[in-house]
């Protein structure tokens, strides 16, 4: 069925409540593990239907944030989401405390039961109003970003469509585009500060009502950090500071020389070539066609996947004025298919959608028929491995997208991926500081960001810009608002994907087979156990990052 033809049904909370009340009663009265598991399968079916409707409703709001019907539906979904989570939690407590626990754990898996513990510690009926308020604040931030109308060269652009000028080959144009972006954020920075201040205080209150000292531990629980915690993440960031920051400094110096500049400014950020960064050739339709040809050639599994995606129109990738910014993949349980949302803007980022987001979608497709739904409750540091690794596995087809500039794309992509590592760690450390000191003022939070820039991005010169030079850059990083502590998962996944890059350069087929194995493991094993099983090194182990930095310096030709 084509995505546009999938019907949407408003979720009836009376039906949801009645279902869970009966399920909990029946499950408590079950006379065997087998009977309880059969009831659990009815939970899979019901919650799959509910989740599908909520996902479709949110997607249709995202493609046009001004459309009134789905704007109201999104507000409703934000309200009912925490309530449904509480119903699920109440039911899972029955499963967790079942007299048939051993049988159920054998069927569902130890990881699922550990995740239940984290869920129980993350929500309570008394904080549902705060969770609903949190969702409303996030939606308010999204609307500010989506509604941006930035005047530039006689036209108006949203943030996504302005990006091609931010990284264009004309330096004066780049500077003017960055100034236009800065002006927009200066016009809304106080409002964004207010939203974030309320979010920090809201989340801190949630944490305190659940018995935590601050939001950090609650945030880790909500991210399902089921096999590592804050000390491991701090050690990882320490390794990045020691090994990757110096490497990125070398990359920036090489970039300055390549661009023929005396010094780099912030408006030169992410620009790698005098003649401009490589951009995809062809129309969006031609890019998608090239993507289909690529995945048909890569493997039998990817060929089947991409044909289903194209045939059922499971992509919405064209940038539009009222469309939510960013990109994502989600999965529709009822129809057992993934879909991809993105904003093409004429840059290499369009191809990253075809590789990165398709990496997510491919893994969802591979495991679409998994009976145990908990096995697909993937934590994000694992999910991002699937996407970031696919960016490297598809290198052999980049000529389809970039023509004779494919080699330039490789150079840019590798160096940009390496440069991201310290930035991602900076976002993570910033959030730890903010939630450890929730009483900070907006000005103090901006000063924290300014100080972290000196540690993680010492090469970056904001040239006195009134917004960016004063610690405002974080306001354009949506993950800080949407999902605290998510961003480090991109970094953890990126260093695993880089291990796959080193591996595939030695033996592509062997690396691909282990990647496919990783996709199939999904969430059935704990993080480091899963990495060990497929021959990858944990990023938390001392020495892993230093060794990787040496390997990637060679790959990036520094």
Protein backbone atom coordinates (compact mmCIF):
# COMPACT_ATOMS: atom_id res chain seq x y z
CA UNK A 1 0.00 0.00 0.00
CA UNK A 2 1.28 3.46 -0.89
CA UNK A 3 2.04 5.66 2.11
CA UNK A 4 -0.39 8.35 0.97
CA UNK A 5 -3.21 5.76 0.86
CA UNK A 6 -2.70 4.53 4.43
CA UNK A 7 -5.78 5.60 6.41
CA UNK A 8 -5.44 7.69 9.54
CA UNK A 9 -7.67 7.04 12.54
CA UNK A 10 -7.83 9.31 15.58
CA UNK A 11 -6.70 7.31 18.61
CA UNK A 12 -9.64 6.75 20.98
CA UNK A 13 -8.27 6.86 24.51
CA UNK A 14 -11.37 5.19 25.93
CA UNK A 15 -10.56 2.17 23.75
CA UNK A 16 -6.92 2.30 24.82
CA UNK A 17 -7.85 2.42 28.50
CA UNK A 18 -10.35 -0.43 28.17
CA UNK A 19 -7.83 -2.59 26.30
CA UNK A 20 -5.12 -2.19 28.91
CA UNK A 21 -7.51 -2.73 31.83
CA UNK A 22 -8.68 -6.03 30.36
CA UNK A 23 -5.15 -7.05 29.34
CA UNK A 24 -3.79 -6.43 32.83
CA UNK A 25 -6.64 -8.40 34.43
CA UNK A 26 -6.32 -11.31 32.00
CA UNK A 27 -2.54 -11.40 32.33
CA UNK A 28 -2.71 -11.46 36.13
CA UNK A 29 -5.14 -14.39 35.89
CA UNK A 30 -3.09 -16.38 33.36
CA UNK A 31 -2.50 -19.97 34.40
CA UNK A 32 0.77 -20.50 32.52
CA UNK A 33 3.62 -18.72 30.84
CA UNK A 34 2.30 -19.87 27.50
CA UNK A 35 -1.09 -18.28 28.17
CA UNK A 36 0.54 -15.07 29.35
CA UNK A 37 2.72 -14.91 26.24
CA UNK A 38 -0.33 -15.37 23.97
CA UNK A 39 -1.90 -12.38 25.72
CA UNK A 40 1.35 -10.50 25.24
CA UNK A 41 1.08 -11.08 21.50
CA UNK A 42 -2.34 -9.39 21.56
CA UNK A 43 -0.54 -6.42 23.14
CA UNK A 44 1.84 -6.40 20.15
CA UNK A 45 -1.09 -6.19 17.73
CA UNK A 46 -2.97 -3.50 19.61
CA UNK A 47 -0.06 -1.22 20.39
CA UNK A 48 1.20 -1.66 16.82
CA UNK A 49 -2.10 -0.26 15.52
CA UNK A 50 -2.03 2.65 17.99
CA UNK A 51 1.59 3.50 17.27
CA UNK A 52 0.99 3.37 13.52
CA UNK A 53 -1.82 5.92 13.79
CA UNK A 54 0.26 8.22 16.00
CA UNK A 55 3.24 8.00 13.65
CA UNK A 56 1.10 8.73 10.56
CA UNK A 57 -0.55 11.67 12.34
CA UNK A 58 2.81 13.16 13.36
CA UNK A 59 4.27 12.62 9.89
CA UNK A 60 1.40 14.41 8.18
CA UNK A 61 1.84 17.30 10.59
CA UNK A 62 5.59 17.40 9.89
CA UNK A 63 5.14 17.67 6.12
CA UNK A 64 2.98 20.80 6.59
CA UNK A 65 3.15 22.33 10.06
CA UNK A 66 0.53 24.95 9.08
CA UNK A 67 -2.17 22.43 8.08
CA UNK A 68 -4.86 22.84 10.80
CA UNK A 69 -6.27 19.31 11.11
CA UNK A 70 -2.96 17.55 11.69
CA UNK A 71 -1.69 20.45 13.80
CA UNK A 72 -4.54 19.69 16.22
CA UNK A 73 -3.86 15.97 15.94
CA UNK A 74 -0.20 16.59 16.84
CA UNK A 75 -1.27 18.50 19.95
CA UNK A 76 -3.52 15.55 20.85
CA UNK A 77 -0.74 13.03 20.20
CA UNK A 78 1.58 15.05 22.45
CA UNK A 79 -1.07 14.86 25.18
CA UNK A 80 -1.87 11.15 24.94
CA UNK A 81 1.70 9.92 24.44
CA UNK A 82 2.66 10.08 28.13
CA UNK A 83 -0.68 8.54 29.17
CA UNK A 84 -0.19 5.58 26.83
CA UNK A 85 3.36 5.20 28.14
CA UNK A 86 1.94 4.95 31.66
CA UNK A 87 -0.59 2.30 30.57
CA UNK A 88 2.24 0.32 28.95
CA UNK A 89 4.29 0.63 32.11
CA UNK A 90 1.43 -0.62 34.29
CA UNK A 91 1.04 -3.64 32.02
CA UNK A 92 4.76 -4.38 31.84
CA UNK A 93 4.92 -4.48 35.64
CA UNK A 94 2.58 -7.48 35.47
CA UNK A 95 4.93 -9.19 33.02
CA UNK A 96 8.01 -8.22 35.03
CA UNK A 97 6.58 -9.63 38.27
CA UNK A 98 4.97 -12.67 36.68
CA UNK A 99 5.24 -16.05 38.41
CA UNK A 100 6.18 -17.30 34.93
CA UNK A 101 9.04 -14.78 34.61
CA UNK A 102 11.61 -17.43 33.62
CA UNK A 103 9.50 -18.58 30.67
CA UNK A 104 8.75 -15.03 29.56
CA UNK A 105 12.40 -13.98 29.88
CA UNK A 106 13.38 -16.92 27.69
CA UNK A 107 10.81 -15.83 25.08
CA UNK A 108 11.29 -12.05 25.22
CA UNK A 109 14.92 -11.80 26.32
CA UNK A 110 16.98 -10.38 29.20
CA UNK A 111 17.49 -7.05 27.43
CA UNK A 112 13.74 -6.45 27.33
CA UNK A 113 13.41 -7.05 31.06
CA UNK A 114 16.30 -4.69 31.81
CA UNK A 115 14.59 -2.08 29.64
CA UNK A 116 11.40 -2.58 31.64
CA UNK A 117 13.32 -1.66 34.80
CA UNK A 118 14.47 1.56 33.14
CA UNK A 119 10.92 2.30 31.99
CA UNK A 120 9.55 1.80 35.51
CA UNK A 121 12.11 4.28 36.82
CA UNK A 122 11.23 6.84 34.13
CA UNK A 123 7.53 7.51 34.44
CA UNK A 124 4.79 7.78 37.02
CA UNK A 125 1.21 8.97 36.83
CA UNK A 126 2.05 11.99 38.97
CA UNK A 127 4.41 13.43 36.33
CA UNK A 128 2.12 12.98 33.31
CA UNK A 129 1.08 16.67 33.28
CA UNK A 130 4.76 17.65 33.27
CA UNK A 131 5.46 15.26 30.39
CA UNK A 132 2.57 16.73 28.42
CA UNK A 133 3.89 20.23 29.08
CA UNK A 134 7.35 19.05 27.94
CA UNK A 135 5.89 17.84 24.63
CA UNK A 136 4.10 21.15 24.12
CA UNK A 137 7.34 23.10 24.69
CA UNK A 138 9.18 20.93 22.16
CA UNK A 139 6.41 21.51 19.63
CA UNK A 140 6.70 25.27 20.26
CA UNK A 141 10.45 25.14 19.49
CA UNK A 142 9.80 23.11 16.32
CA UNK A 143 7.32 25.71 15.10
CA UNK A 144 9.84 28.53 15.56
CA UNK A 145 12.41 26.64 13.49
CA UNK A 146 9.94 25.44 10.83
CA UNK A 147 8.39 28.90 10.39
CA UNK A 148 11.71 30.67 9.77
CA UNK A 149 11.51 32.98 6.77
CA UNK A 150 15.02 34.24 6.11
CA UNK A 151 15.46 37.00 3.48
CA UNK A 152 18.52 36.44 1.30
CA UNK A 153 19.37 37.82 -2.14
CA UNK A 154 15.82 38.94 -2.80
CA UNK A 155 14.21 35.61 -1.85
CA UNK A 156 12.91 34.00 1.34
CA UNK A 157 14.31 30.69 2.58
CA UNK A 158 13.71 28.37 5.48
CA UNK A 159 16.77 27.12 7.37
CA UNK A 160 17.12 23.93 5.35
CA UNK A 161 16.90 25.64 1.96
CA UNK A 162 19.38 28.33 3.07
CA UNK A 163 22.03 25.68 3.70
CA UNK A 164 23.29 25.53 0.12
CA UNK A 165 24.37 29.18 0.49
CA UNK A 166 25.99 28.55 3.89
CA UNK A 167 28.41 26.14 2.20
CA UNK A 168 28.56 27.70 -1.28
CA UNK A 169 31.79 28.46 -3.15
CA UNK A 170 31.42 32.27 -3.05
CA UNK A 171 32.90 33.43 0.26
CA UNK A 172 31.05 36.75 0.30
CA UNK A 173 27.76 34.96 -0.30
CA UNK A 174 28.58 32.50 2.49
CA UNK A 175 29.30 35.32 4.89
CA UNK A 176 26.05 37.06 3.96
CA UNK A 177 24.06 33.81 4.33
CA UNK A 178 25.51 33.16 7.78
CA UNK A 179 24.72 36.76 8.71
CA UNK A 180 21.11 36.22 7.57
CA UNK A 181 20.91 33.04 9.67
CA UNK A 182 22.41 34.84 12.66
CA UNK A 183 19.93 37.70 12.26
CA UNK A 184 17.03 35.27 12.31
CA UNK A 185 18.23 33.54 15.46
CA UNK A 186 18.92 36.90 17.10
CA UNK A 187 15.25 37.76 16.46
CA UNK A 188 14.04 34.60 18.27
CA UNK A 189 16.90 33.84 20.69
CA UNK A 190 15.08 35.21 23.74
CA UNK A 191 12.02 33.11 22.92
CA UNK A 192 14.17 30.01 22.43
CA UNK A 193 16.00 30.75 25.68
CA UNK A 194 12.65 30.91 27.44
CA UNK A 195 11.49 27.61 25.94
CA UNK A 196 14.73 25.87 26.90
CA UNK A 197 14.71 27.35 30.40
CA UNK A 198 11.21 25.97 30.89
CA UNK A 199 12.25 22.59 29.44
CA UNK A 200 15.24 22.32 31.79
CA UNK A 201 13.15 23.24 34.81
CA UNK A 202 10.31 20.96 33.72
CA UNK A 203 12.61 17.96 33.26
CA UNK A 204 14.36 18.70 36.54
CA UNK A 205 11.00 18.75 38.32
CA UNK A 206 10.08 15.43 36.73
CA UNK A 207 13.34 13.97 38.00
CA UNK A 208 12.91 15.28 41.53
CA UNK A 209 9.35 14.00 41.76
CA UNK A 210 10.68 10.56 40.80
CA UNK A 211 13.36 10.77 43.49
CA UNK A 212 16.41 11.72 41.41
CA UNK A 213 18.92 14.40 42.36
CA UNK A 214 18.73 15.91 38.86
CA UNK A 215 17.57 15.02 35.36
CA UNK A 216 20.79 13.32 34.21
CA UNK A 217 20.09 9.84 35.56
CA UNK A 218 16.44 10.03 34.47
CA UNK A 219 17.62 11.12 31.02
CA UNK A 220 19.92 8.10 30.82
CA UNK A 221 17.05 5.82 31.80
CA UNK A 222 14.80 7.31 29.13
CA UNK A 223 17.54 6.74 26.56
CA UNK A 224 17.53 3.07 27.63
CA UNK A 225 21.20 3.09 28.68
CA UNK A 226 20.90 -0.52 29.78
CA UNK A 227 24.58 -1.52 29.81
CA UNK A 228 26.63 1.66 30.33
CA UNK A 229 26.21 4.89 32.25
CA UNK A 230 27.74 8.31 32.81
CA UNK A 231 31.29 7.19 33.81
CA UNK A 232 31.71 5.27 30.54
CA UNK A 233 30.47 8.24 28.50
CA UNK A 234 32.80 10.62 30.35
CA UNK A 235 35.75 8.30 29.65
CA UNK A 236 34.76 8.20 25.99
CA UNK A 237 34.67 12.01 25.80
CA UNK A 238 38.09 12.13 27.48
CA UNK A 239 39.52 9.84 24.77
CA UNK A 240 38.00 12.05 22.07
CA UNK A 241 39.61 15.16 23.56
CA UNK A 242 42.98 13.40 23.61
CA UNK A 243 42.89 11.76 20.16
CA UNK A 244 40.28 13.31 17.89
CA UNK A 245 40.51 17.01 18.76
CA UNK A 246 44.20 17.14 17.68
CA UNK A 247 43.33 15.20 14.51
CA UNK A 248 40.52 17.61 13.66
CA UNK A 249 42.87 20.56 14.21
CA UNK A 250 45.10 19.04 11.52
CA UNK A 251 42.08 18.65 9.22
CA UNK A 252 41.17 22.31 9.70
CA UNK A 253 44.71 23.42 8.83
CA UNK A 254 44.63 21.25 5.70
CA UNK A 255 41.24 22.73 4.83
CA UNK A 256 42.60 26.27 5.23
CA UNK A 257 45.44 25.46 2.84
CA UNK A 258 43.07 23.82 0.33
CA UNK A 259 40.85 26.92 0.37
CA UNK A 260 43.85 29.23 0.02
CA UNK A 261 42.89 31.35 3.02
CA UNK A 262 45.05 33.14 5.57
CA UNK A 263 42.63 32.17 8.32
CA UNK A 264 39.37 30.29 8.62
CA UNK A 265 36.19 31.98 9.80
CA UNK A 266 32.91 30.43 10.90
CA UNK A 267 31.40 31.14 7.48
CA UNK A 268 34.07 28.82 6.00
CA UNK A 269 32.87 25.99 8.24
CA UNK A 270 32.09 22.75 6.35
CA UNK A 271 33.51 24.16 3.10
CA UNK A 272 36.24 21.93 1.67
CA UNK A 273 37.03 23.07 -1.89
CA UNK A 274 37.76 26.36 -3.61
CA UNK A 275 35.27 25.50 -6.33
CA UNK A 276 32.65 24.59 -3.74
CA UNK A 277 31.64 21.36 -2.10
CA UNK A 278 30.53 18.58 -4.44
CA UNK A 279 26.79 18.71 -4.96
CA UNK A 280 24.62 15.93 -6.35
CA UNK A 281 23.96 16.06 -10.06
CA UNK A 282 20.41 15.72 -11.33
CA UNK A 283 16.94 16.36 -10.00
CA UNK A 284 15.59 14.87 -6.76
CA UNK A 285 13.85 12.25 -8.88
CA UNK A 286 17.15 11.35 -10.56
CA UNK A 287 18.87 11.14 -7.18
CA UNK A 288 16.22 8.71 -5.95
CA UNK A 289 16.54 6.66 -9.17
CA UNK A 290 20.32 6.49 -8.70
CA UNK A 291 19.72 5.37 -5.12
CA UNK A 292 17.46 2.58 -6.32
CA UNK A 293 20.08 1.40 -8.83
CA UNK A 294 22.75 1.52 -6.11
CA UNK A 295 20.82 -0.61 -3.63
CA UNK A 296 19.82 -3.07 -6.34
CA UNK A 297 23.52 -3.60 -7.02
CA UNK A 298 24.74 -3.65 -3.39
CA UNK A 299 23.07 -6.89 -2.23
CA UNK A 300 19.93 -9.00 -2.74
CA UNK A 301 18.61 -7.77 0.62
CA UNK A 302 19.04 -4.08 -0.21
CA UNK A 303 17.56 -4.63 -3.68
CA UNK A 304 14.31 -6.02 -2.24
CA UNK A 305 14.23 -3.25 0.37
CA UNK A 306 14.62 -0.30 -2.01
CA UNK A 307 12.06 -1.63 -4.49
CA UNK A 308 9.45 -1.85 -1.71
CA UNK A 309 10.32 1.67 -0.55
CA UNK A 310 10.02 3.19 -4.03
CA UNK A 311 6.95 1.22 -5.08
CA UNK A 312 5.03 2.27 -1.96
CA UNK A 313 6.22 5.89 -2.04
CA UNK A 314 7.77 5.62 1.41
CA UNK A 315 9.92 8.73 0.93
CA UNK A 316 9.00 12.37 1.51
CA UNK A 317 12.23 14.22 0.80
CA UNK A 318 11.45 17.49 -1.00
CA UNK A 319 12.06 20.66 1.04
CA UNK A 320 8.99 22.89 1.43
CA UNK A 321 8.34 26.15 3.28
CA UNK A 322 6.11 24.82 6.07
CA UNK A 323 7.82 21.45 6.42
CA UNK A 324 9.50 20.53 9.69
CA UNK A 325 13.28 20.75 9.46
CA UNK A 326 15.61 17.76 9.62
CA UNK A 327 15.22 14.17 8.60
CA UNK A 328 14.32 10.86 10.15
CA UNK A 329 13.21 7.31 9.57
CA UNK A 330 10.29 5.70 11.35
CA UNK A 331 8.63 2.30 11.15
CA UNK A 332 4.92 1.55 10.71
CA UNK A 333 4.21 -1.63 12.74
CA UNK A 334 0.79 -2.27 11.18
CA UNK A 335 2.19 -2.31 7.64
CA UNK A 336 5.67 -3.64 8.51
CA UNK A 337 7.44 -0.98 6.45
CA UNK A 338 9.75 1.93 7.23
CA UNK A 339 9.41 5.41 5.77
CA UNK A 340 11.82 8.33 5.38
CA UNK A 341 11.21 12.03 5.99
CA UNK A 342 13.81 14.58 4.83
CA UNK A 343 14.41 17.99 3.29
CA UNK A 344 16.42 17.92 0.06
CA UNK A 345 18.24 21.23 -0.42
CA UNK A 346 20.64 20.69 -3.32
CA UNK A 347 23.67 19.79 -1.19
CA UNK A 348 25.57 16.56 -0.54
CA UNK A 349 23.20 16.16 2.41
CA UNK A 350 20.59 14.96 -0.10
CA UNK A 351 22.75 11.93 -0.83
CA UNK A 352 23.31 11.42 2.88
CA UNK A 353 19.55 10.93 3.15
CA UNK A 354 19.74 8.15 0.56
CA UNK A 355 22.57 6.50 2.51
CA UNK A 356 22.12 7.42 6.18
CA UNK A 357 18.32 7.33 6.53
CA UNK A 358 18.15 4.29 4.26
CA UNK A 359 20.59 2.57 6.64
CA UNK A 360 18.01 3.01 9.39
CA UNK A 361 15.19 1.93 7.11
CA UNK A 362 17.06 -1.09 5.79
CA UNK A 363 17.62 -2.43 9.30
CA UNK A 364 13.92 -1.94 10.07
CA UNK A 365 13.02 -3.79 6.89
CA UNK A 366 15.41 -6.68 7.62
CA UNK A 367 13.76 -7.27 11.02
CA UNK A 368 10.19 -6.42 9.98
CA UNK A 369 8.88 -9.93 10.62
CA UNK A 370 10.50 -10.36 14.05
CA UNK A 371 7.82 -11.90 16.29
CA UNK A 372 9.28 -10.50 19.51
CA UNK A 373 8.69 -6.78 19.18
CA UNK A 374 11.02 -6.01 22.08
CA UNK A 375 13.89 -7.25 19.92
CA UNK A 376 13.29 -4.19 17.73
CA UNK A 377 13.32 -1.69 20.60
CA UNK A 378 16.73 -0.52 19.46
CA UNK A 379 18.65 1.94 21.58
CA UNK A 380 19.94 4.87 19.59
CA UNK A 381 23.68 4.23 19.87
CA UNK A 382 22.94 0.96 18.04
CA UNK A 383 20.40 2.36 15.57
CA UNK A 384 22.85 5.01 14.39
CA UNK A 385 25.47 2.35 13.60
CA UNK A 386 23.15 0.97 10.91
CA UNK A 387 22.75 4.40 9.31
CA UNK A 388 26.29 5.74 9.58
CA UNK A 389 27.87 2.50 8.40
CA UNK A 390 25.66 2.50 5.31
CA UNK A 391 27.22 5.86 4.37
CA UNK A 392 30.55 4.02 3.98
CA UNK A 393 29.21 0.83 2.43
CA UNK A 394 27.75 2.87 -0.44
CA UNK A 395 31.01 4.69 -1.33
CA UNK A 396 31.44 2.52 -4.43
CA UNK A 397 28.39 4.11 -6.09
CA UNK A 398 29.01 7.78 -5.39
CA UNK A 399 29.85 8.46 -9.05
CA UNK A 400 26.12 8.00 -9.71
CA UNK A 401 25.44 11.04 -7.55
CA UNK A 402 28.54 13.22 -7.96
CA UNK A 403 29.95 12.27 -11.36
CA UNK A 404 33.61 13.23 -11.71
CA UNK A 405 33.57 14.78 -8.22
CA UNK A 406 33.05 11.47 -6.42
CA UNK A 407 36.62 11.57 -5.06
CA UNK A 408 35.96 15.05 -3.71
CA UNK A 409 32.89 13.69 -1.95
CA UNK A 410 34.93 10.91 -0.32
CA UNK A 411 37.47 13.42 0.96
CA UNK A 412 34.76 15.76 2.26
CA UNK A 413 32.67 13.02 3.83
CA UNK A 414 35.59 11.41 5.66
CA UNK A 415 36.96 14.68 6.98
CA UNK A 416 33.51 15.94 7.91
CA UNK A 417 32.71 12.68 9.74
CA UNK A 418 35.91 12.96 11.75
CA UNK A 419 35.25 16.65 12.50
CA UNK A 420 31.81 15.75 13.85
CA UNK A 421 33.20 13.59 16.66
CA UNK A 422 34.36 16.44 18.95
CA UNK A 423 31.25 18.51 18.16
CA UNK A 424 28.94 15.65 19.17
CA UNK A 425 30.84 15.25 22.45
CA UNK A 426 30.53 18.99 23.07
CA UNK A 427 26.74 18.82 22.71
CA UNK A 428 26.69 15.96 25.21
CA UNK A 429 28.93 17.64 27.79
CA UNK A 430 26.91 20.85 27.46
CA UNK A 431 23.73 19.02 28.41
CA UNK A 432 25.38 17.33 31.39
CA UNK A 433 26.45 20.75 32.70
CA UNK A 434 23.03 22.32 32.05
CA UNK A 435 21.06 19.58 33.82
CA UNK A 436 23.53 19.41 36.69
CA UNK A 437 22.98 23.15 37.25
CA UNK A 438 19.36 23.76 36.18
CA UNK A 439 19.27 27.09 38.02
CA UNK A 440 21.65 28.68 35.47
CA UNK A 441 20.39 31.72 33.59
CA UNK A 442 20.18 31.75 29.77
CA UNK A 443 23.26 33.97 29.68
CA UNK A 444 25.18 31.51 31.86
CA UNK A 445 24.19 28.63 29.57
CA UNK A 446 25.50 30.51 26.57
CA UNK A 447 28.76 31.13 28.41
CA UNK A 448 29.07 27.39 29.07
CA UNK A 449 28.76 26.77 25.32
CA UNK A 450 31.39 29.43 24.57
CA UNK A 451 33.80 27.79 27.00
CA UNK A 452 33.22 24.31 25.53
CA UNK A 453 33.91 25.65 22.03
CA UNK A 454 37.48 26.42 23.16
CA UNK A 455 37.96 22.79 24.23
CA UNK A 456 36.25 20.93 21.44
CA UNK A 457 36.47 23.34 18.47
CA UNK A 458 39.47 25.60 19.19
CA UNK A 459 39.93 26.35 15.48
CA UNK A 460 36.51 27.96 15.06
CA UNK A 461 36.52 31.78 14.79
CA UNK A 462 33.05 33.36 14.94
CA UNK A 463 34.52 36.74 13.94
CA UNK A 464 32.51 38.70 16.51
CA UNK A 465 29.09 37.58 15.23
CA UNK A 466 26.51 38.82 17.76
CA UNK A 467 24.70 35.47 17.94
CA UNK A 468 27.23 32.73 17.25
CA UNK A 469 30.21 34.38 18.99
CA UNK A 470 28.13 34.81 22.13
CA UNK A 471 27.39 31.10 22.61
CA UNK A 472 24.14 30.82 20.67
CA UNK A 473 25.08 28.04 18.25
CA UNK A 474 23.40 25.32 20.34
CA UNK A 475 19.96 26.84 19.72
CA UNK A 476 19.95 25.47 16.17
CA UNK A 477 20.69 21.92 17.41
CA UNK A 478 17.21 20.44 17.74
CA UNK A 479 18.27 17.29 19.61
CA UNK A 480 19.10 19.43 22.65
CA UNK A 481 15.40 20.29 22.85
CA UNK A 482 13.86 17.04 21.62
CA UNK A 483 15.76 14.36 23.46
CA UNK A 484 18.42 15.11 26.08
CA UNK A 485 21.56 12.94 25.89
CA UNK A 486 20.59 11.49 22.49
CA UNK A 487 23.36 13.28 20.61
CA UNK A 488 26.26 11.26 22.03
CA UNK A 489 24.67 8.20 20.42
CA UNK A 490 25.57 9.64 17.01
CA UNK A 491 29.17 9.91 18.15
CA UNK A 492 29.34 6.41 19.61
CA UNK A 493 27.80 5.02 16.42
CA UNK A 494 30.10 7.06 14.22
CA UNK A 495 33.25 5.57 15.70
CA UNK A 496 31.79 2.08 15.19
CA UNK A 497 30.94 2.97 11.59
CA UNK A 498 34.53 4.11 11.13
CA UNK A 499 35.66 0.67 12.31
CA UNK A 500 33.50 -0.80 9.54
CA UNK A 501 35.19 1.61 7.09
CA UNK A 502 38.64 0.30 8.09
CA UNK A 503 37.31 -3.27 7.85
CA UNK A 504 35.65 -2.90 4.42
CA UNK A 505 38.80 -1.40 2.92
CA UNK A 506 40.51 -4.69 3.79
CA UNK A 507 37.62 -7.08 2.99
CA UNK A 508 34.37 -5.50 1.80
CA UNK A 509 32.32 -8.71 1.65
CA UNK A 510 33.36 -9.82 5.13
CA UNK A 511 32.56 -6.40 6.57
CA UNK A 512 29.14 -6.36 4.84
CA UNK A 513 28.24 -9.83 6.14
CA UNK A 514 29.05 -8.74 9.69
CA UNK A 515 27.04 -5.55 9.20
CA UNK A 516 24.07 -7.63 8.06
CA UNK A 517 24.51 -9.81 11.14
CA UNK A 518 24.49 -6.69 13.30
CA UNK A 519 21.24 -5.55 11.68
CA UNK A 520 19.61 -8.90 12.42
CA UNK A 521 20.73 -8.93 16.06
CA UNK A 522 18.75 -5.70 16.44
CA UNK A 523 18.06 -5.13 20.17
CA UNK A 524 18.19 -8.76 21.29
CA UNK A 525 21.63 -8.36 22.94
CA UNK A 526 23.29 -5.77 25.15
CA UNK A 527 25.42 -3.15 23.41
CA UNK A 528 28.98 -4.30 24.09
CA UNK A 529 28.03 -8.00 23.79
CA UNK A 530 26.58 -7.25 20.35
CA UNK A 531 29.75 -5.44 19.25
CA UNK A 532 31.92 -8.33 20.45
CA UNK A 533 29.76 -10.84 18.58
CA UNK A 534 30.28 -9.12 15.23
CA UNK A 535 33.97 -8.36 15.74
CA UNK A 536 33.88 -4.67 16.69
CA UNK A 537 35.62 -2.88 19.57
CA UNK A 538 33.74 -1.05 22.30
CA UNK A 539 34.27 2.72 22.17
CA UNK A 540 34.46 2.73 25.97
CA UNK A 541 37.62 0.62 26.15
CA UNK A 542 40.83 2.56 26.65
CA UNK A 543 42.84 2.63 23.44
CA UNK A 544 39.95 2.10 21.02
CA UNK A 545 39.65 5.78 20.10
CA UNK A 546 43.40 6.42 19.88
CA UNK A 547 43.82 3.48 17.48
CA UNK A 548 40.86 4.63 15.41
CA UNK A 549 42.22 8.18 15.18
CA UNK A 550 45.45 6.82 13.67
CA UNK A 551 43.51 4.74 11.14
CA UNK A 552 41.20 7.60 10.18
CA UNK A 553 44.07 10.06 9.81
CA UNK A 554 45.42 7.75 7.12
CA UNK A 555 41.98 7.44 5.46
CA UNK A 556 41.52 11.23 5.45
CA UNK A 557 44.96 11.74 3.86
CA UNK A 558 46.20 14.09 6.59
